[in-house]
Amino acid sequence: MTVKLLSHTPLYICAHAIRMSHDNHDKSDSQCYDDLYSDQREWIDCGPKDRALIERVGNKLKHASVLEHLVYSFDISDVSRALLQELARHRMASLTVKSTRYTLNELKSEEPFTEYTDFNDQEYLPSGYERACKYLVMTENEHVNRYSILALDNLRDLLVAGISNDIAKYALPEAYKVRLQWTINARSLQNFLQLRSSKDALWEIRLLAAHIYKALPSDHQYLFTPFMKDTK
């Protein structure tokens, strides 16, 4: 699993929204400098007063709507379709997934991963397990991994037989890897981290929650730390 932060909203945007409602921008300590050659102002720091303001209003006073002005985009790869289904339950987020129409073309060119040793059994071919790891998220359960690889081999057979990608993908195992871009605001991200860092969450999405938290800018993490559960 790999998680990369692609972009994020500066904290001062949230502080600006909070001060907007009280018309007290003169109390802001966010710092900026003016570009001498344009009309743009580039903000370079959100001061401690503004960071404390965001924490107080957004978290302690529960006016969490102001946190929706903070938006984060992540590149997430090597996660399963099972995890993708879990992500779809978080409505206040946008995701774009690499199409299986293209990823299945890579699988079609692979050699078989297993071979029959008798009518009722199959064994991994040399390098079969390692090659399957390119396409599948493996679990701690070897029996589950074995059947996922058999399903991958069956899917490959369908593609080699000329079944179109759009039809063959109905045989995709849940362990099949996907890559996506995921965009979410801070309010929804707090909810995601609170639910998905819990010990009751799917093991893979717990790992994703930890990776996302670590990928956040260090000066933003304080907004999310109280929502991280059972991370040890």
Protein backbone atom coordinates (compact mmCIF):
# COMPACT_ATOMS: atom_id res chain seq x y z
CA MET A 1 0.00 0.00 0.00
CA THR A 2 1.25 3.44 -0.95
CA VAL A 3 -0.36 6.77 -0.01
CA LYS A 4 0.89 10.09 -1.37
CA LEU A 5 -0.55 13.50 -0.58
CA LEU A 6 -1.05 15.32 -3.89
CA SER A 7 -2.42 18.63 -2.62
CA HIS A 8 -3.94 20.30 0.42
CA THR A 9 -5.60 23.56 1.38
CA PRO A 10 -3.48 25.91 3.55
CA LEU A 11 -4.72 26.28 7.12
CA TYR A 12 -5.14 30.03 6.78
CA ILE A 13 -8.10 29.41 4.44
CA CYS A 14 -10.00 27.81 7.32
CA ALA A 15 -8.96 30.53 9.76
CA HIS A 16 -10.07 33.14 7.23
CA ALA A 17 -13.52 31.51 7.01
CA ILE A 18 -13.90 31.45 10.80
CA ARG A 19 -12.89 35.09 11.17
CA MET A 20 -15.21 35.99 8.31
CA SER A 21 -18.24 35.07 10.41
CA HIS A 22 -17.09 37.32 13.28
CA ASP A 23 -15.58 40.08 11.12
CA ASN A 24 -12.33 40.02 13.11
CA HIS A 25 -9.67 39.56 10.44
CA ASP A 26 -7.54 42.18 12.17
CA LYS A 27 -6.80 39.62 14.92
CA SER A 28 -5.32 37.09 12.51
CA ASP A 29 -1.63 36.21 12.84
CA SER A 30 -1.31 34.32 9.56
CA GLN A 31 1.66 35.65 7.62
CA CYS A 32 1.91 36.43 3.93
CA TYR A 33 4.02 38.39 1.51
CA ASP A 34 3.03 40.39 -1.55
CA ASP A 35 4.38 39.53 -4.97
CA LEU A 36 5.87 42.79 -6.24
CA TYR A 37 5.17 41.78 -9.86
CA SER A 38 1.52 40.78 -9.56
CA ASP A 39 -1.62 41.32 -7.57
CA GLN A 40 -1.28 37.90 -5.89
CA ARG A 41 -0.55 37.40 -2.21
CA GLU A 42 1.14 34.15 -1.20
CA TRP A 43 0.47 32.88 2.30
CA ILE A 44 3.50 31.30 3.89
CA ASP A 45 2.37 30.51 7.44
CA CYS A 46 -0.67 30.12 9.66
CA GLY A 47 0.23 31.61 13.04
CA PRO A 48 -0.37 29.96 16.43
CA LYS A 49 -3.41 32.13 17.14
CA ASP A 50 -5.10 31.04 13.95
CA ARG A 51 -4.18 27.38 14.49
CA ALA A 52 -5.66 27.57 17.98
CA LEU A 53 -8.76 29.26 16.57
CA ILE A 54 -9.31 26.42 14.10
CA GLU A 55 -8.91 23.84 16.87
CA ARG A 56 -11.28 25.67 19.21
CA VAL A 57 -14.04 26.38 16.71
CA GLY A 58 -13.71 23.26 14.56
CA ASN A 59 -13.08 20.62 17.21
CA LYS A 60 -13.92 21.88 20.70
CA LEU A 61 -16.97 24.01 19.86
CA LYS A 62 -18.08 21.47 17.22
CA HIS A 63 -18.66 24.07 14.48
CA ALA A 64 -17.11 21.49 12.17
CA SER A 65 -18.57 22.97 9.00
CA VAL A 66 -15.64 25.42 8.94
CA LEU A 67 -13.30 22.44 8.47
CA GLU A 68 -14.91 21.74 5.11
CA HIS A 69 -12.79 24.56 3.71
CA LEU A 70 -9.73 22.30 4.15
CA VAL A 71 -9.46 19.76 1.32
CA TYR A 72 -6.90 17.00 0.75
CA SER A 73 -6.19 14.87 -2.33
CA PHE A 74 -4.33 11.55 -2.08
CA ASP A 75 -2.88 9.11 -4.59
CA ILE A 76 -3.62 5.64 -3.16
CA SER A 77 -2.25 2.48 -4.76
CA ASP A 78 -1.95 -1.25 -4.11
CA VAL A 79 -5.20 -1.56 -2.17
CA SER A 80 -7.89 -4.17 -2.75
CA ARG A 81 -11.33 -3.92 -4.29
CA ALA A 82 -12.62 -4.95 -0.86
CA LEU A 83 -11.14 -1.76 0.57
CA LEU A 84 -12.47 0.25 -2.38
CA GLN A 85 -15.97 -0.91 -1.48
CA GLU A 86 -15.44 0.31 2.08
CA LEU A 87 -14.26 3.71 0.82
CA ALA A 88 -17.46 4.08 -1.21
CA ARG A 89 -19.40 4.25 2.07
CA HIS A 90 -17.82 7.62 2.84
CA ARG A 91 -20.16 9.82 0.80
CA MET A 92 -18.53 13.20 1.41
CA ALA A 93 -15.47 12.35 -0.67
CA SER A 94 -14.59 11.96 -4.33
CA LEU A 95 -12.66 9.08 -5.82
CA THR A 96 -11.42 8.25 -9.30
CA VAL A 97 -10.18 4.70 -9.89
CA LYS A 98 -7.77 3.38 -12.51
CA SER A 99 -9.99 1.49 -14.94
CA THR A 100 -9.87 -2.32 -14.99
CA ARG A 101 -10.33 -2.03 -18.75
CA TYR A 102 -6.62 -1.16 -18.83
CA THR A 103 -5.25 -3.09 -15.86
CA LEU A 104 -6.67 -6.37 -17.16
CA ASN A 105 -4.60 -6.01 -20.32
CA GLU A 106 -1.50 -6.52 -18.18
CA LEU A 107 -2.95 -9.65 -16.61
CA LYS A 108 -3.78 -11.13 -20.02
CA SER A 109 -0.10 -11.18 -20.97
CA GLU A 110 0.93 -13.10 -17.83
CA GLU A 111 1.85 -16.79 -17.78
CA PRO A 112 -0.34 -19.04 -15.57
CA PHE A 113 0.17 -18.67 -11.83
CA THR A 114 -0.78 -22.26 -10.95
CA GLU A 115 -0.92 -25.74 -12.49
CA TYR A 116 -2.98 -28.84 -11.83
CA THR A 117 -1.07 -31.64 -10.07
CA ASP A 118 -4.17 -33.87 -10.05
CA PHE A 119 -7.87 -33.44 -10.66
CA ASN A 120 -8.61 -31.92 -7.26
CA ASP A 121 -5.53 -29.85 -6.55
CA GLN A 122 -3.46 -27.04 -7.97
CA GLU A 123 0.03 -25.87 -7.07
CA TYR A 124 1.87 -22.60 -7.62
CA LEU A 125 4.18 -22.53 -10.58
CA PRO A 126 7.73 -21.25 -9.93
CA SER A 127 7.45 -17.51 -9.26
CA GLY A 128 3.64 -17.83 -9.44
CA TYR A 129 3.05 -16.47 -5.94
CA GLU A 130 5.47 -13.57 -6.40
CA ARG A 131 3.92 -12.62 -9.76
CA ALA A 132 0.43 -12.82 -8.27
CA CYS A 133 1.44 -10.29 -5.61
CA LYS A 134 1.59 -7.69 -8.39
CA TYR A 135 -2.16 -8.05 -8.82
CA LEU A 136 -3.47 -9.14 -5.42
CA VAL A 137 -3.44 -7.87 -1.85
CA MET A 138 -2.37 -10.84 0.26
CA THR A 139 -3.74 -11.50 3.73
CA GLU A 140 -2.33 -13.29 6.75
CA ASN A 141 -4.43 -16.33 5.86
CA GLU A 142 -2.68 -18.62 3.38
CA HIS A 143 -5.91 -20.40 2.44
CA VAL A 144 -7.53 -17.10 1.45
CA ASN A 145 -4.44 -16.15 -0.55
CA ARG A 146 -4.45 -19.51 -2.32
CA TYR A 147 -8.05 -19.17 -3.46
CA SER A 148 -7.48 -15.56 -4.50
CA ILE A 149 -4.65 -16.71 -6.75
CA LEU A 150 -6.82 -19.48 -8.21
CA ALA A 151 -9.49 -16.87 -8.95
CA LEU A 152 -6.83 -14.69 -10.58
CA ASP A 153 -5.77 -17.61 -12.76
CA ASN A 154 -9.39 -18.27 -13.76
CA LEU A 155 -9.77 -14.59 -14.66
CA ARG A 156 -6.61 -14.77 -16.76
CA ASP A 157 -8.03 -17.82 -18.57
CA LEU A 158 -11.17 -15.86 -19.45
CA LEU A 159 -9.11 -13.04 -20.92
CA VAL A 160 -6.89 -15.39 -22.91
CA ALA A 161 -10.04 -17.07 -24.25
CA GLY A 162 -11.07 -13.74 -25.75
CA ILE A 163 -13.72 -12.67 -23.25
CA SER A 164 -13.90 -8.86 -23.26
CA ASN A 165 -12.48 -7.01 -20.27
CA ASP A 166 -15.87 -5.49 -19.48
CA ILE A 167 -17.40 -8.95 -19.10
CA ALA A 168 -14.43 -10.80 -17.63
CA LYS A 169 -14.11 -8.28 -14.80
CA TYR A 170 -17.21 -9.77 -13.19
CA ALA A 171 -14.91 -12.62 -12.13
CA LEU A 172 -12.45 -10.28 -10.38
CA PRO A 173 -11.45 -11.44 -6.89
CA GLU A 174 -11.98 -8.96 -4.05
CA ALA A 175 -8.22 -9.04 -3.43
CA TYR A 176 -7.51 -7.52 -6.88
CA LYS A 177 -5.38 -4.38 -6.53
CA VAL A 178 -6.61 -0.94 -7.54
CA ARG A 179 -5.18 2.56 -7.69
CA LEU A 180 -7.22 5.69 -7.10
CA GLN A 181 -7.19 9.38 -6.35
CA TRP A 182 -9.22 10.27 -3.26
CA THR A 183 -10.25 13.82 -2.32
CA ILE A 184 -11.89 14.62 0.99
CA ASN A 185 -12.47 17.62 3.25
CA ALA A 186 -11.17 17.79 6.83
CA ARG A 187 -14.56 17.33 8.46
CA SER A 188 -15.20 14.11 6.54
CA LEU A 189 -11.63 12.99 7.03
CA GLN A 190 -12.02 13.26 10.80
CA ASN A 191 -15.05 10.98 10.57
CA PHE A 192 -13.15 8.56 8.33
CA LEU A 193 -10.16 8.36 10.66
CA GLN A 194 -12.33 7.93 13.74
CA LEU A 195 -14.23 5.01 12.20
CA ARG A 196 -11.44 3.36 10.22
CA SER A 197 -8.64 3.51 12.77
CA SER A 198 -10.80 1.52 15.19
CA LYS A 199 -9.90 -2.08 15.96
CA ASP A 200 -13.36 -3.03 14.66
CA ALA A 201 -12.55 -1.82 11.13
CA LEU A 202 -11.28 -3.99 8.28
CA TRP A 203 -7.55 -4.58 8.81
CA GLU A 204 -6.63 -3.11 5.42
CA ILE A 205 -8.59 0.11 5.87
CA ARG A 206 -7.08 0.51 9.34
CA LEU A 207 -3.69 0.43 7.63
CA LEU A 208 -4.93 2.97 5.09
CA ALA A 209 -6.14 5.28 7.88
CA ALA A 210 -2.68 5.19 9.48
CA HIS A 211 -0.98 5.90 6.14
CA ILE A 212 -3.30 8.82 5.40
CA TYR A 213 -2.71 10.36 8.82
CA LYS A 214 1.06 10.10 8.34
CA ALA A 215 0.79 11.62 4.84
CA LEU A 216 -0.96 14.76 6.16
CA PRO A 217 1.14 17.92 6.52
CA SER A 218 2.68 17.97 9.98
CA ASP A 219 1.05 21.31 10.81
CA HIS A 220 -2.40 19.85 9.99
CA GLN A 221 -2.12 16.62 11.99
CA TYR A 222 -3.17 18.23 15.28
CA LEU A 223 -6.72 18.55 13.89
CA PHE A 224 -6.93 14.79 13.40
CA THR A 225 -4.90 13.29 16.25
CA PRO A 226 -7.91 13.11 18.65
CA PHE A 227 -9.78 11.01 16.09
CA MET A 228 -7.16 8.29 15.70
CA LYS A 229 -8.21 5.15 17.61
CA ASP A 230 -6.37 1.96 18.54
CA THR A 231 -3.32 2.86 16.46
CA LYS A 232 -0.80 0.96 18.59
